[in-house]
Each structure stands twice: as structure tokens, then as C-alpha cells.
């Protein structure tokens, strides 16, 4: 028996945060929203999809932002994405370079840490 794939990952958002989440993850980052199953829709939150993996935002009544644990989204142009986030008022934190990758950190409107990465040659 072995794990076969990553199906989804989830971060928490506070109650009533769906509009801000859609603006940040949908409009700014460009993730495509998908409908939650009807049986779960009443719990709030929103779901997005990126390739074969779903990114889910679930409502947590006693919300605390994830300041260390985080998803990393690969982008095509890190500089442009960073500038876009800066214009929108999102914080930008430079990250230590890793071989083959440029990186930065930001935070969603709730304080959850988000890493953005771009593959680089050399």
C-alpha cells in the first residue's frame, strides 16, 4: 500500500471570509473556483482547482492563520506576480533562493502564509 497522489490541500479562513478569499485566490492569483458539493456548501468556504489538485478554504470558527505551514504555488513570472500583489496591498517577503527556484512569500487577507515560486535555469 502506498499513497498515490495529492488530491487536495486545505487552509482555514474566518467565518464570512469567502469574498476576500475569492478576490485574493481567484482574482489576484488566478485560481479557478469550483463548486463545493451541495452536501458541504452550507459549511461556508470555497474551493479552487489547479491541475489535478484542489485547493480548499474551509471556515474555522476559532480561526488562527497558518504562519509557517503554507502552500507553494508555481508561477510563470514571479516578478510580475509580486508587483501585482504589492499593488493590491499584499505583503511581500523575499525568500532564500533554492537551487533552480526563485521564491517569495506573501499572505492572504487572513494572514495565512503563501509561497510563490518560479523555476529558473542555471
C-alpha atoms as a PDB file:
ATOM      1  CA  UNK A   1       0.000   0.000   0.000  1.00  0.00           C
ATOM      2  CA  UNK A   2       1.279   3.465  -0.885  1.00  0.00           C
ATOM      3  CA  UNK A   3      -0.024   6.998  -1.201  1.00  0.00           C
ATOM      4  CA  UNK A   4      -0.930   7.513  -4.863  1.00  0.00           C
ATOM      5  CA  UNK A   5      -1.418  11.252  -5.275  1.00  0.00           C
ATOM      6  CA  UNK A   6      -2.260  14.532  -3.601  1.00  0.00           C
ATOM      7  CA  UNK A   7      -5.975  15.160  -4.061  1.00  0.00           C
ATOM      8  CA  UNK A   8      -6.365  18.457  -2.198  1.00  0.00           C
ATOM      9  CA  UNK A   9      -4.974  20.697   0.470  1.00  0.00           C
ATOM     10  CA  UNK A  10      -6.886  22.985   2.756  1.00  0.00           C
ATOM     11  CA  UNK A  11      -6.296  26.204   4.643  1.00  0.00           C
ATOM     12  CA  UNK A  12      -8.649  27.785   7.127  1.00  0.00           C
ATOM     13  CA  UNK A  13     -10.351  31.149   6.765  1.00  0.00           C
ATOM     14  CA  UNK A  14     -12.505  33.001   9.295  1.00  0.00           C
ATOM     15  CA  UNK A  15     -16.294  32.989   9.061  1.00  0.00           C
ATOM     16  CA  UNK A  16     -17.506  35.374   6.361  1.00  0.00           C
ATOM     17  CA  UNK A  17     -14.143  35.433   4.561  1.00  0.00           C
ATOM     18  CA  UNK A  18     -15.280  33.964   1.262  1.00  0.00           C
ATOM     19  CA  UNK A  19     -15.443  37.251  -0.680  1.00  0.00           C
ATOM     20  CA  UNK A  20     -11.922  38.242   0.349  1.00  0.00           C
ATOM     21  CA  UNK A  21     -10.721  34.714  -0.406  1.00  0.00           C
ATOM     22  CA  UNK A  22     -12.215  34.800  -3.899  1.00  0.00           C
ATOM     23  CA  UNK A  23     -10.590  38.166  -4.572  1.00  0.00           C
ATOM     24  CA  UNK A  24      -7.166  37.007  -3.411  1.00  0.00           C
ATOM     25  CA  UNK A  25      -7.056  33.435  -4.718  1.00  0.00           C
ATOM     26  CA  UNK A  26      -9.313  33.854  -7.738  1.00  0.00           C
ATOM     27  CA  UNK A  27      -8.702  37.402  -8.971  1.00  0.00           C
ATOM     28  CA  UNK A  28      -5.107  38.016  -7.833  1.00  0.00           C
ATOM     29  CA  UNK A  29      -3.580  34.539  -8.075  1.00  0.00           C
ATOM     30  CA  UNK A  30      -5.813  33.370 -10.910  1.00  0.00           C
ATOM     31  CA  UNK A  31      -7.044  30.092  -9.436  1.00  0.00           C
ATOM     32  CA  UNK A  32     -10.258  28.704 -10.907  1.00  0.00           C
ATOM     33  CA  UNK A  33     -13.077  28.291  -8.409  1.00  0.00           C
ATOM     34  CA  UNK A  34     -15.105  25.103  -8.436  1.00  0.00           C
ATOM     35  CA  UNK A  35     -18.436  24.474  -6.768  1.00  0.00           C
ATOM     36  CA  UNK A  36     -18.435  22.724  -3.431  1.00  0.00           C
ATOM     37  CA  UNK A  37     -20.626  19.632  -3.256  1.00  0.00           C
ATOM     38  CA  UNK A  38     -24.140  20.532  -2.197  1.00  0.00           C
ATOM     39  CA  UNK A  39     -23.749  18.425   0.947  1.00  0.00           C
ATOM     40  CA  UNK A  40     -20.844  20.667   2.112  1.00  0.00           C
ATOM     41  CA  UNK A  41     -21.921  24.056   0.744  1.00  0.00           C
ATOM     42  CA  UNK A  42     -23.670  25.074   3.961  1.00  0.00           C
ATOM     43  CA  UNK A  43     -20.382  24.971   5.877  1.00  0.00           C
ATOM     44  CA  UNK A  44     -19.036  28.018   4.029  1.00  0.00           C
ATOM     45  CA  UNK A  45     -15.618  28.330   2.476  1.00  0.00           C
ATOM     46  CA  UNK A  46     -14.716  27.967  -1.171  1.00  0.00           C
ATOM     47  CA  UNK A  47     -12.768  25.557  -3.340  1.00  0.00           C
ATOM     48  CA  UNK A  48     -10.369  26.120  -6.212  1.00  0.00           C
ATOM     49  CA  UNK A  49      -8.649  23.793  -8.633  1.00  0.00           C
ATOM     50  CA  UNK A  50      -5.160  23.830 -10.087  1.00  0.00           C
ATOM     51  CA  UNK A  51      -4.467  20.952 -12.458  1.00  0.00           C
ATOM     52  CA  UNK A  52      -5.361  17.708 -10.708  1.00  0.00           C
ATOM     53  CA  UNK A  53      -5.152  19.177  -7.193  1.00  0.00           C
ATOM     54  CA  UNK A  54      -7.876  21.057  -5.374  1.00  0.00           C
ATOM     55  CA  UNK A  55      -7.108  23.947  -3.031  1.00  0.00           C
ATOM     56  CA  UNK A  56      -9.834  24.247  -0.436  1.00  0.00           C
ATOM     57  CA  UNK A  57     -10.563  27.040   2.000  1.00  0.00           C
ATOM     58  CA  UNK A  58     -12.629  25.938   4.959  1.00  0.00           C
ATOM     59  CA  UNK A  59     -14.264  28.105   7.589  1.00  0.00           C
ATOM     60  CA  UNK A  60     -12.878  27.752  11.083  1.00  0.00           C
ATOM     61  CA  UNK A  61     -14.850  29.500  13.825  1.00  0.00           C
ATOM     62  CA  UNK A  62     -11.809  29.956  16.070  1.00  0.00           C
ATOM     63  CA  UNK A  63      -9.578  30.883  13.150  1.00  0.00           C
ATOM     64  CA  UNK A  64      -5.826  31.328  13.550  1.00  0.00           C
ATOM     65  CA  UNK A  65      -3.719  31.960  10.428  1.00  0.00           C
ATOM     66  CA  UNK A  66      -1.115  29.445   9.298  1.00  0.00           C
ATOM     67  CA  UNK A  67       2.066  31.496   9.613  1.00  0.00           C
ATOM     68  CA  UNK A  68       4.595  28.717   8.972  1.00  0.00           C
ATOM     69  CA  UNK A  69       2.753  25.901   7.207  1.00  0.00           C
ATOM     70  CA  UNK A  70       1.835  27.015   3.691  1.00  0.00           C
ATOM     71  CA  UNK A  71       1.104  26.016   0.110  1.00  0.00           C
ATOM     72  CA  UNK A  72       3.598  26.922  -2.604  1.00  0.00           C
ATOM     73  CA  UNK A  73       2.158  27.938  -5.961  1.00  0.00           C
ATOM     74  CA  UNK A  74       4.383  27.844  -9.030  1.00  0.00           C
ATOM     75  CA  UNK A  75       4.005  30.947 -11.211  1.00  0.00           C
ATOM     76  CA  UNK A  76       5.302  31.834 -14.667  1.00  0.00           C
ATOM     77  CA  UNK A  77       6.613  35.302 -13.778  1.00  0.00           C
ATOM     78  CA  UNK A  78       7.437  35.826 -10.124  1.00  0.00           C
ATOM     79  CA  UNK A  79       8.385  39.495 -10.545  1.00  0.00           C
ATOM     80  CA  UNK A  80       5.068  40.352 -12.204  1.00  0.00           C
ATOM     81  CA  UNK A  81       3.085  38.383  -9.634  1.00  0.00           C
ATOM     82  CA  UNK A  82       4.966  40.098  -6.809  1.00  0.00           C
ATOM     83  CA  UNK A  83       4.260  43.511  -8.316  1.00  0.00           C
ATOM     84  CA  UNK A  84       0.601  42.628  -8.765  1.00  0.00           C
ATOM     85  CA  UNK A  85       0.312  41.576  -5.133  1.00  0.00           C
ATOM     86  CA  UNK A  86       2.130  44.714  -3.966  1.00  0.00           C
ATOM     87  CA  UNK A  87      -0.300  46.917  -5.913  1.00  0.00           C
ATOM     88  CA  UNK A  88      -3.159  45.065  -4.213  1.00  0.00           C
ATOM     89  CA  UNK A  89      -1.645  45.752  -0.785  1.00  0.00           C
ATOM     90  CA  UNK A  90      -0.466  42.221  -0.043  1.00  0.00           C
ATOM     91  CA  UNK A  91       2.767  41.909   1.937  1.00  0.00           C
ATOM     92  CA  UNK A  92       5.856  40.615   0.120  1.00  0.00           C
ATOM     93  CA  UNK A  93       8.751  38.901   1.858  1.00  0.00           C
ATOM     94  CA  UNK A  94      11.825  37.792  -0.052  1.00  0.00           C
ATOM     95  CA  UNK A  95      12.702  34.136   0.444  1.00  0.00           C
ATOM     96  CA  UNK A  96      16.095  32.457   0.449  1.00  0.00           C
ATOM     97  CA  UNK A  97      16.806  31.162  -3.053  1.00  0.00           C
ATOM     98  CA  UNK A  98      16.820  27.429  -3.641  1.00  0.00           C
ATOM     99  CA  UNK A  99      18.719  25.776  -6.482  1.00  0.00           C
ATOM    100  CA  UNK A 100      16.547  26.096  -9.587  1.00  0.00           C
ATOM    101  CA  UNK A 101      13.886  28.280  -7.973  1.00  0.00           C
ATOM    102  CA  UNK A 102      13.142  31.935  -7.246  1.00  0.00           C
ATOM    103  CA  UNK A 103      10.737  32.405  -4.348  1.00  0.00           C
ATOM    104  CA  UNK A 104       8.814  34.905  -2.296  1.00  0.00           C
ATOM    105  CA  UNK A 105       6.273  34.821   0.471  1.00  0.00           C
ATOM    106  CA  UNK A 106       3.055  36.731   0.808  1.00  0.00           C
ATOM    107  CA  UNK A 107      -0.004  36.376   2.991  1.00  0.00           C
ATOM    108  CA  UNK A 108      -3.640  36.052   2.106  1.00  0.00           C
ATOM    109  CA  UNK A 109      -6.083  38.602   3.589  1.00  0.00           C
ATOM    110  CA  UNK A 110      -6.347  36.449   6.728  1.00  0.00           C
ATOM    111  CA  UNK A 111      -2.625  36.150   7.433  1.00  0.00           C
ATOM    112  CA  UNK A 112      -2.107  32.653   6.025  1.00  0.00           C
ATOM    113  CA  UNK A 113       1.425  32.321   4.601  1.00  0.00           C
ATOM    114  CA  UNK A 114       1.602  31.708   0.851  1.00  0.00           C
ATOM    115  CA  UNK A 115       4.779  30.882  -1.064  1.00  0.00           C
ATOM    116  CA  UNK A 116       5.131  31.719  -4.760  1.00  0.00           C
ATOM    117  CA  UNK A 117       7.882  30.022  -6.751  1.00  0.00           C
ATOM    118  CA  UNK A 118       9.275  30.264 -10.262  1.00  0.00           C
ATOM    119  CA  UNK A 119      11.538  27.710 -11.902  1.00  0.00           C
ATOM    120  CA  UNK A 120      14.789  29.282 -13.109  1.00  0.00           C
ATOM    121  CA  UNK A 121      17.582  27.854 -15.214  1.00  0.00           C
ATOM    122  CA  UNK A 122      21.167  27.681 -14.008  1.00  0.00           C
END
